[in-house]
Amino acid sequence: ESGGGSVQAGDSLRLSCAASGFPFSRYALAWVRQ
């Protein structure tokens, strides 16, 4: 993952996740937060 940071309420942010080692197009991808 990349793209995280500190922002103000109301702002926007885009996260990215670079994947490798598996058939990407045949897998489901998810974003999970804690």
PDB file of all heavy atoms in Angstrom:
ATOM      1  N   GLU A   1       0.823  -1.196   0.000  1.00  0.00           N
ATOM      2  CA  GLU A   1       0.000   0.000   0.000  1.00  0.00           C
ATOM      3  C   GLU A   1       0.865   1.257   0.000  1.00  0.00           C
ATOM      4  O   GLU A   1       1.973   1.262   0.522  1.00  0.00           O
ATOM      5  CB  GLU A   1      -0.925   0.036   1.224  1.00  0.00           C
ATOM      6  CG  GLU A   1      -1.836  -1.177   1.367  1.00  0.00           C
ATOM      7  CD  GLU A   1      -1.228  -2.280   2.204  1.00  0.00           C
ATOM      8  OE1 GLU A   1       0.013  -2.331   2.337  1.00  0.00           O
ATOM      9  OE2 GLU A   1      -2.006  -3.101   2.737  1.00  0.00           O
ATOM     10  N   SER A   2       0.297   2.327  -0.539  1.00  0.00           N
ATOM     11  CA  SER A   2       0.934   3.634  -0.495  1.00  0.00           C
ATOM     12  C   SER A   2      -0.140   4.706  -0.624  1.00  0.00           C
ATOM     13  O   SER A   2      -1.278   4.417  -0.986  1.00  0.00           O
ATOM     14  CB  SER A   2       1.976   3.787  -1.606  1.00  0.00           C
ATOM     15  OG  SER A   2       1.379   3.692  -2.884  1.00  0.00           O
ATOM     16  N   GLY A   3       0.221   5.937  -0.323  1.00  0.00           N
ATOM     17  CA  GLY A   3      -0.678   7.055  -0.510  1.00  0.00           C
ATOM     18  C   GLY A   3      -1.316   7.597   0.748  1.00  0.00           C
ATOM     19  O   GLY A   3      -2.045   8.599   0.691  1.00  0.00           O
ATOM     20  N   GLY A   4      -1.073   6.963   1.882  1.00  0.00           N
ATOM     21  CA  GLY A   4      -1.627   7.457   3.125  1.00  0.00           C
ATOM     22  C   GLY A   4      -0.957   8.746   3.563  1.00  0.00           C
ATOM     23  O   GLY A   4       0.063   9.155   3.012  1.00  0.00           O
ATOM     24  N   GLY A   5      -1.551   9.379   4.563  1.00  0.00           N
ATOM     25  CA  GLY A   5      -1.005  10.619   5.071  1.00  0.00           C
ATOM     26  C   GLY A   5      -1.963  11.291   6.023  1.00  0.00           C
ATOM     27  O   GLY A   5      -2.982  10.716   6.411  1.00  0.00           O
ATOM     28  N   SER A   6      -1.626  12.511   6.400  1.00  0.00           N
ATOM     29  CA  SER A   6      -2.450  13.312   7.303  1.00  0.00           C
ATOM     30  C   SER A   6      -3.126  14.417   6.520  1.00  0.00           C
ATOM     31  O   SER A   6      -2.467  15.177   5.809  1.00  0.00           O
ATOM     32  CB  SER A   6      -1.589  13.908   8.414  1.00  0.00           C
ATOM     33  OG  SER A   6      -0.997  12.897   9.206  1.00  0.00           O
ATOM     34  N   VAL A   7      -4.443  14.497   6.659  1.00  0.00           N
ATOM     35  CA  VAL A   7      -5.232  15.486   5.931  1.00  0.00           C
ATOM     36  C   VAL A   7      -6.269  16.098   6.863  1.00  0.00           C
ATOM     37  O   VAL A   7      -6.511  15.603   7.963  1.00  0.00           O
ATOM     38  CB  VAL A   7      -5.940  14.876   4.710  1.00  0.00           C
ATOM     39  CG1 VAL A   7      -4.921  14.344   3.704  1.00  0.00           C
ATOM     40  CG2 VAL A   7      -6.895  13.770   5.133  1.00  0.00           C
ATOM     41  N   GLN A   8      -6.887  17.162   6.386  1.00  0.00           N
ATOM     42  CA  GLN A   8      -7.967  17.816   7.112  1.00  0.00           C
ATOM     43  C   GLN A   8      -9.310  17.218   6.732  1.00  0.00           C
ATOM     44  O   GLN A   8      -9.483  16.693   5.625  1.00  0.00           O
ATOM     45  CB  GLN A   8      -7.973  19.310   6.820  1.00  0.00           C
ATOM     46  CG  GLN A   8      -6.744  20.054   7.299  1.00  0.00           C
ATOM     47  CD  GLN A   8      -6.726  20.206   8.805  1.00  0.00           C
ATOM     48  OE1 GLN A   8      -7.763  20.463   9.422  1.00  0.00           O
ATOM     49  NE2 GLN A   8      -5.560  20.036   9.408  1.00  0.00           N
ATOM     50  N   ALA A   9     -10.255  17.285   7.629  1.00  0.00           N
ATOM     51  CA  ALA A   9     -11.612  16.844   7.324  1.00  0.00           C
ATOM     52  C   ALA A   9     -12.125  17.564   6.084  1.00  0.00           C
ATOM     53  O   ALA A   9     -11.933  18.771   5.934  1.00  0.00           O
ATOM     54  CB  ALA A   9     -12.530  17.093   8.509  1.00  0.00           C
ATOM     55  N   GLY A  10     -12.763  16.805   5.201  1.00  0.00           N
ATOM     56  CA  GLY A  10     -13.259  17.345   3.954  1.00  0.00           C
ATOM     57  C   GLY A  10     -12.311  17.172   2.783  1.00  0.00           C
ATOM     58  O   GLY A  10     -12.724  17.330   1.628  1.00  0.00           O
ATOM     59  N   ASP A  11     -11.068  16.844   3.063  1.00  0.00           N
ATOM     60  CA  ASP A  11     -10.077  16.664   2.008  1.00  0.00           C
ATOM     61  C   ASP A  11     -10.224  15.303   1.334  1.00  0.00           C
ATOM     62  O   ASP A  11     -11.017  14.464   1.749  1.00  0.00           O
ATOM     63  CB  ASP A  11      -8.670  16.800   2.575  1.00  0.00           C
ATOM     64  CG  ASP A  11      -8.294  18.229   2.889  1.00  0.00           C
ATOM     65  OD1 ASP A  11      -9.040  19.148   2.513  1.00  0.00           O
ATOM     66  OD2 ASP A  11      -7.241  18.420   3.528  1.00  0.00           O
ATOM     67  N   SER A  12      -9.430  15.094   0.295  1.00  0.00           N
ATOM     68  CA  SER A  12      -9.424  13.846  -0.450  1.00  0.00           C
ATOM     69  C   SER A  12      -8.053  13.205  -0.413  1.00  0.00           C
ATOM     70  O   SER A  12      -7.038  13.876  -0.215  1.00  0.00           O
ATOM     71  CB  SER A  12      -9.835  14.089  -1.909  1.00  0.00           C
ATOM     72  OG  SER A  12     -11.151  14.588  -2.011  1.00  0.00           O
ATOM     73  N   LEU A  13      -8.045  11.901  -0.618  1.00  0.00           N
ATOM     74  CA  LEU A  13      -6.809  11.142  -0.618  1.00  0.00           C
ATOM     75  C   LEU A  13      -7.009   9.914  -1.497  1.00  0.00           C
ATOM     76  O   LEU A  13      -8.105   9.348  -1.519  1.00  0.00           O
ATOM     77  CB  LEU A  13      -6.451  10.724   0.807  1.00  0.00           C
ATOM     78  CG  LEU A  13      -4.988  10.439   1.173  1.00  0.00           C
ATOM     79  CD1 LEU A  13      -4.119  11.658   0.931  1.00  0.00           C
ATOM     80  CD2 LEU A  13      -4.913  10.015   2.632  1.00  0.00           C
ATOM     81  N   ARG A  14      -5.975   9.509  -2.206  1.00  0.00           N
ATOM     82  CA  ARG A  14      -6.053   8.298  -3.005  1.00  0.00           C
ATOM     83  C   ARG A  14      -4.990   7.305  -2.564  1.00  0.00           C
ATOM     84  O   ARG A  14      -3.794   7.604  -2.577  1.00  0.00           O
ATOM     85  CB  ARG A  14      -5.887   8.581  -4.500  1.00  0.00           C
ATOM     86  CG  ARG A  14      -6.193   7.341  -5.363  1.00  0.00           C
ATOM     87  CD  ARG A  14      -6.122   7.612  -6.848  1.00  0.00           C
ATOM     88  NE  ARG A  14      -4.762   7.614  -7.355  1.00  0.00           N
ATOM     89  CZ  ARG A  14      -4.428   7.353  -8.613  1.00  0.00           C
ATOM     90  NH1 ARG A  14      -5.376   7.082  -9.504  1.00  0.00           N
ATOM     91  NH2 ARG A  14      -3.168   7.400  -8.992  1.00  0.00           N
ATOM     92  N   LEU A  15      -5.441   6.128  -2.181  1.00  0.00           N
ATOM     93  CA  LEU A  15      -4.547   5.051  -1.802  1.00  0.00           C
ATOM     94  C   LEU A  15      -4.293   4.139  -2.996  1.00  0.00           C
ATOM     95  O   LEU A  15      -5.171   3.937  -3.826  1.00  0.00           O
ATOM     96  CB  LEU A  15      -5.139   4.224  -0.657  1.00  0.00           C
ATOM     97  CG  LEU A  15      -5.575   4.980   0.596  1.00  0.00           C
ATOM     98  CD1 LEU A  15      -6.083   3.999   1.640  1.00  0.00           C
ATOM     99  CD2 LEU A  15      -4.440   5.822   1.148  1.00  0.00           C
ATOM    100  N   SER A  16      -3.103   3.580  -3.054  1.00  0.00           N
ATOM    101  CA  SER A  16      -2.743   2.634  -4.099  1.00  0.00           C
ATOM    102  C   SER A  16      -2.222   1.350  -3.474  1.00  0.00           C
ATOM    103  O   SER A  16      -1.638   1.369  -2.398  1.00  0.00           O
ATOM    104  CB  SER A  16      -1.669   3.218  -5.022  1.00  0.00           C
ATOM    105  OG  SER A  16      -2.125   4.384  -5.674  1.00  0.00           O
ATOM    106  N   CYS A  17      -2.441   0.249  -4.159  1.00  0.00           N
ATOM    107  CA  CYS A  17      -1.932  -1.045  -3.723  1.00  0.00           C
ATOM    108  C   CYS A  17      -1.352  -1.761  -4.927  1.00  0.00           C
ATOM    109  O   CYS A  17      -2.082  -2.133  -5.848  1.00  0.00           O
ATOM    110  CB  CYS A  17      -3.042  -1.874  -3.078  1.00  0.00           C
ATOM    111  SG  CYS A  17      -2.552  -3.567  -2.672  1.00  0.00           S
ATOM    112  N   ALA A  18      -0.051  -1.950  -4.917  1.00  0.00           N
ATOM    113  CA  ALA A  18       0.634  -2.667  -5.979  1.00  0.00           C
ATOM    114  C   ALA A  18       0.726  -4.141  -5.617  1.00  0.00           C
ATOM    115  O   ALA A  18       1.193  -4.488  -4.531  1.00  0.00           O
ATOM    116  CB  ALA A  18       2.021  -2.082  -6.201  1.00  0.00           C
ATOM    117  N   ALA A  19       0.282  -5.004  -6.520  1.00  0.00           N
ATOM    118  CA  ALA A  19       0.212  -6.434  -6.261  1.00  0.00           C
ATOM    119  C   ALA A  19       1.129  -7.212  -7.198  1.00  0.00           C
ATOM    120  O   ALA A  19       1.370  -6.810  -8.335  1.00  0.00           O
ATOM    121  CB  ALA A  19      -1.221  -6.937  -6.413  1.00  0.00           C
ATOM    122  N   SER A  20       1.610  -8.352  -6.710  1.00  0.00           N
ATOM    123  CA  SER A  20       2.422  -9.237  -7.525  1.00  0.00           C
ATOM    124  C   SER A  20       2.356 -10.652  -6.961  1.00  0.00           C
ATOM    125  O   SER A  20       2.001 -10.855  -5.803  1.00  0.00           O
ATOM    126  CB  SER A  20       3.877  -8.757  -7.582  1.00  0.00           C
ATOM    127  OG  SER A  20       4.469  -8.757  -6.293  1.00  0.00           O
ATOM    128  N   GLY A  21       2.686 -11.636  -7.800  1.00  0.00           N
ATOM    129  CA  GLY A  21       2.780 -13.006  -7.349  1.00  0.00           C
ATOM    130  C   GLY A  21       1.509 -13.832  -7.448  1.00  0.00           C
ATOM    131  O   GLY A  21       1.488 -14.969  -6.966  1.00  0.00           O
ATOM    132  N   PHE A  22       0.467 -13.284  -8.046  1.00  0.00           N
ATOM    133  CA  PHE A  22      -0.774 -14.025  -8.228  1.00  0.00           C
ATOM    134  C   PHE A  22      -1.506 -13.459  -9.438  1.00  0.00           C
ATOM    135  O   PHE A  22      -1.224 -12.343  -9.874  1.00  0.00           O
ATOM    136  CB  PHE A  22      -1.651 -13.975  -6.969  1.00  0.00           C
ATOM    137  CG  PHE A  22      -2.111 -12.598  -6.586  1.00  0.00           C
ATOM    138  CD1 PHE A  22      -3.338 -12.119  -7.024  1.00  0.00           C
ATOM    139  CD2 PHE A  22      -1.333 -11.787  -5.786  1.00  0.00           C
ATOM    140  CE1 PHE A  22      -3.774 -10.856  -6.662  1.00  0.00           C
ATOM    141  CE2 PHE A  22      -1.752 -10.519  -5.422  1.00  0.00           C
ATOM    142  CZ  PHE A  22      -2.983 -10.051  -5.860  1.00  0.00           C
ATOM    143  N   PRO A  23      -2.460 -14.230  -9.987  1.00  0.00           N
ATOM    144  CA  PRO A  23      -3.208 -13.749 -11.172  1.00  0.00           C
ATOM    145  C   PRO A  23      -4.179 -12.644 -10.773  1.00  0.00           C
ATOM    146  O   PRO A  23      -5.331 -12.893 -10.416  1.00  0.00           O
ATOM    147  CB  PRO A  23      -3.923 -14.998 -11.681  1.00  0.00           C
ATOM    148  CG  PRO A  23      -4.038 -15.881 -10.481  1.00  0.00           C
ATOM    149  CD  PRO A  23      -2.804 -15.620  -9.666  1.00  0.00           C
ATOM    150  N   PHE A  24      -3.716 -11.430 -10.860  1.00  0.00           N
ATOM    151  CA  PHE A  24      -4.406 -10.261 -10.339  1.00  0.00           C
ATOM    152  C   PHE A  24      -5.855 -10.157 -10.807  1.00  0.00           C
ATOM    153  O   PHE A  24      -6.762  -9.893 -10.014  1.00  0.00           O
ATOM    154  CB  PHE A  24      -3.623  -9.008 -10.736  1.00  0.00           C
ATOM    155  CG  PHE A  24      -4.174  -7.727 -10.188  1.00  0.00           C
ATOM    156  CD1 PHE A  24      -3.867  -7.317  -8.905  1.00  0.00           C
ATOM    157  CD2 PHE A  24      -4.985  -6.921 -10.973  1.00  0.00           C
ATOM    158  CE1 PHE A  24      -4.362  -6.135  -8.393  1.00  0.00           C
ATOM    159  CE2 PHE A  24      -5.479  -5.728 -10.477  1.00  0.00           C
ATOM    160  CZ  PHE A  24      -5.170  -5.333  -9.179  1.00  0.00           C
ATOM    161  N   SER A  25      -6.080 -10.344 -12.093  1.00  0.00           N
ATOM    162  CA  SER A  25      -7.406 -10.138 -12.657  1.00  0.00           C
ATOM    163  C   SER A  25      -8.430 -11.174 -12.211  1.00  0.00           C
ATOM    164  O   SER A  25      -9.632 -10.942 -12.335  1.00  0.00           O
ATOM    165  CB  SER A  25      -7.342 -10.116 -14.190  1.00  0.00           C
ATOM    166  OG  SER A  25      -6.903 -11.365 -14.696  1.00  0.00           O
ATOM    167  N   ARG A  26      -7.982 -12.291 -11.686  1.00  0.00           N
ATOM    168  CA  ARG A  26      -8.893 -13.350 -11.251  1.00  0.00           C
ATOM    169  C   ARG A  26      -9.104 -13.362  -9.742  1.00  0.00           C
ATOM    170  O   ARG A  26      -9.774 -14.261  -9.225  1.00  0.00           O
ATOM    171  CB  ARG A  26      -8.393 -14.718 -11.719  1.00  0.00           C
ATOM    172  CG  ARG A  26      -8.359 -14.843 -13.243  1.00  0.00           C
ATOM    173  CD  ARG A  26      -8.262 -16.295 -13.687  1.00  0.00           C
ATOM    174  NE  ARG A  26      -6.988 -16.910 -13.337  1.00  0.00           N
ATOM    175  CZ  ARG A  26      -5.896 -16.865 -14.088  1.00  0.00           C
ATOM    176  NH1 ARG A  26      -5.916 -16.216 -15.246  1.00  0.00           N
ATOM    177  NH2 ARG A  26      -4.783 -17.469 -13.699  1.00  0.00           N
ATOM    178  N   TYR A  27      -8.561 -12.387  -9.051  1.00  0.00           N
ATOM    179  CA  TYR A  27      -8.731 -12.278  -7.609  1.00  0.00           C
ATOM    180  C   TYR A  27      -9.596 -11.077  -7.258  1.00  0.00           C
ATOM    181  O   TYR A  27      -9.637 -10.082  -7.991  1.00  0.00           O
ATOM    182  CB  TYR A  27      -7.374 -12.118  -6.920  1.00  0.00           C
ATOM    183  CG  TYR A  27      -6.656 -13.411  -6.648  1.00  0.00           C
ATOM    184  CD1 TYR A  27      -6.384 -14.317  -7.660  1.00  0.00           C
ATOM    185  CD2 TYR A  27      -6.220 -13.717  -5.356  1.00  0.00           C
ATOM    186  CE1 TYR A  27      -5.719 -15.501  -7.402  1.00  0.00           C
ATOM    187  CE2 TYR A  27      -5.545 -14.887  -5.096  1.00  0.00           C
ATOM    188  CZ  TYR A  27      -5.292 -15.777  -6.128  1.00  0.00           C
ATOM    189  OH  TYR A  27      -4.607 -16.943  -5.857  1.00  0.00           O
ATOM    190  N   ALA A  28     -10.303 -11.195  -6.146  1.00  0.00           N
ATOM    191  CA  ALA A  28     -11.009 -10.053  -5.587  1.00  0.00           C
ATOM    192  C   ALA A  28     -10.047  -9.255  -4.716  1.00  0.00           C
ATOM    193  O   ALA A  28      -9.244  -9.824  -3.991  1.00  0.00           O
ATOM    194  CB  ALA A  28     -12.213 -10.512  -4.767  1.00  0.00           C
ATOM    195  N   LEU A  29     -10.137  -7.957  -4.805  1.00  0.00           N
ATOM    196  CA  LEU A  29      -9.295  -7.050  -4.035  1.00  0.00           C
ATOM    197  C   LEU A  29     -10.158  -6.224  -3.098  1.00  0.00           C
ATOM    198  O   LEU A  29     -11.277  -5.842  -3.447  1.00  0.00           O
ATOM    199  CB  LEU A  29      -8.504  -6.123  -4.954  1.00  0.00           C
ATOM    200  CG  LEU A  29      -7.250  -6.653  -5.668  1.00  0.00           C
ATOM    201  CD1 LEU A  29      -6.218  -7.131  -4.654  1.00  0.00           C
ATOM    202  CD2 LEU A  29      -7.574  -7.747  -6.661  1.00  0.00           C
ATOM    203  N   ALA A  30      -9.628  -5.943  -1.927  1.00  0.00           N
ATOM    204  CA  ALA A  30     -10.392  -5.199  -0.936  1.00  0.00           C
ATOM    205  C   ALA A  30      -9.504  -4.229  -0.173  1.00  0.00           C
ATOM    206  O   ALA A  30      -8.290  -4.417  -0.078  1.00  0.00           O
ATOM    207  CB  ALA A  30     -11.071  -6.152   0.049  1.00  0.00           C
ATOM    208  N   TRP A  31     -10.138  -3.196   0.352  1.00  0.00           N
ATOM    209  CA  TRP A  31      -9.514  -2.295   1.302  1.00  0.00           C
ATOM    210  C   TRP A  31     -10.175  -2.498   2.656  1.00  0.00           C
ATOM    211  O   TRP A  31     -11.407  -2.411   2.769  1.00  0.00           O
ATOM    212  CB  TRP A  31      -9.650  -0.836   0.866  1.00  0.00           C
ATOM    213  CG  TRP A  31      -8.781  -0.490  -0.301  1.00  0.00           C
ATOM    214  CD1 TRP A  31      -9.130  -0.448  -1.613  1.00  0.00           C
ATOM    215  CD2 TRP A  31      -7.392  -0.138  -0.249  1.00  0.00           C
ATOM    216  NE1 TRP A  31      -8.057  -0.095  -2.392  1.00  0.00           N
ATOM    217  CE2 TRP A  31      -6.976   0.101  -1.579  1.00  0.00           C
ATOM    218  CE3 TRP A  31      -6.457   0.004   0.785  1.00  0.00           C
ATOM    219  CZ2 TRP A  31      -5.663   0.472  -1.896  1.00  0.00           C
ATOM    220  CZ3 TRP A  31      -5.161   0.371   0.471  1.00  0.00           C
ATOM    221  CH2 TRP A  31      -4.783   0.595  -0.852  1.00  0.00           C
ATOM    222  N   VAL A  32      -9.351  -2.783   3.643  1.00  0.00           N
ATOM    223  CA  VAL A  32      -9.811  -3.035   4.999  1.00  0.00           C
ATOM    224  C   VAL A  32      -9.106  -2.061   5.932  1.00  0.00           C
ATOM    225  O   VAL A  32      -7.895  -1.887   5.832  1.00  0.00           O
ATOM    226  CB  VAL A  32      -9.528  -4.482   5.432  1.00  0.00           C
ATOM    227  CG1 VAL A  32     -10.006  -4.727   6.864  1.00  0.00           C
ATOM    228  CG2 VAL A  32     -10.202  -5.464   4.474  1.00  0.00           C
ATOM    229  N   ARG A  33      -9.846  -1.442   6.823  1.00  0.00           N
ATOM    230  CA  ARG A  33      -9.225  -0.478   7.726  1.00  0.00           C
ATOM    231  C   ARG A  33      -9.391  -0.905   9.182  1.00  0.00           C
ATOM    232  O   ARG A  33     -10.335  -1.598   9.542  1.00  0.00           O
ATOM    233  CB  ARG A  33      -9.799   0.926   7.526  1.00  0.00           C
ATOM    234  CG  ARG A  33     -11.243   1.094   7.959  1.00  0.00           C
ATOM    235  CD  ARG A  33     -11.748   2.479   7.575  1.00  0.00           C
ATOM    236  NE  ARG A  33     -13.115   2.712   7.997  1.00  0.00           N
ATOM    237  CZ  ARG A  33     -13.827   3.778   7.658  1.00  0.00           C
ATOM    238  NH1 ARG A  33     -13.288   4.715   6.882  1.00  0.00           N
ATOM    239  NH2 ARG A  33     -15.074   3.908   8.093  1.00  0.00           N
ATOM    240  N   GLN A  34      -8.454  -0.466  10.005  1.00  0.00           N
ATOM    241  CA  GLN A  34      -8.496  -0.761  11.429  1.00  0.00           C
ATOM    242  C   GLN A  34      -8.093   0.481  12.213  1.00  0.00           C
ATOM    243  O   GLN A  34      -6.904   0.825  12.273  1.00  0.00           O
ATOM    244  CB  GLN A  34      -7.591  -1.932  11.790  1.00  0.00           C
ATOM    245  CG  GLN A  34      -7.704  -2.343  13.247  1.00  0.00           C
ATOM    246  CD  GLN A  34      -7.024  -3.661  13.541  1.00  0.00           C
ATOM    247  OE1 GLN A  34      -6.066  -4.033  12.874  1.00  0.00           O
ATOM    248  NE2 GLN A  34      -7.526  -4.369  14.533  1.00  0.00           N
TER     249      GLN A  34
END
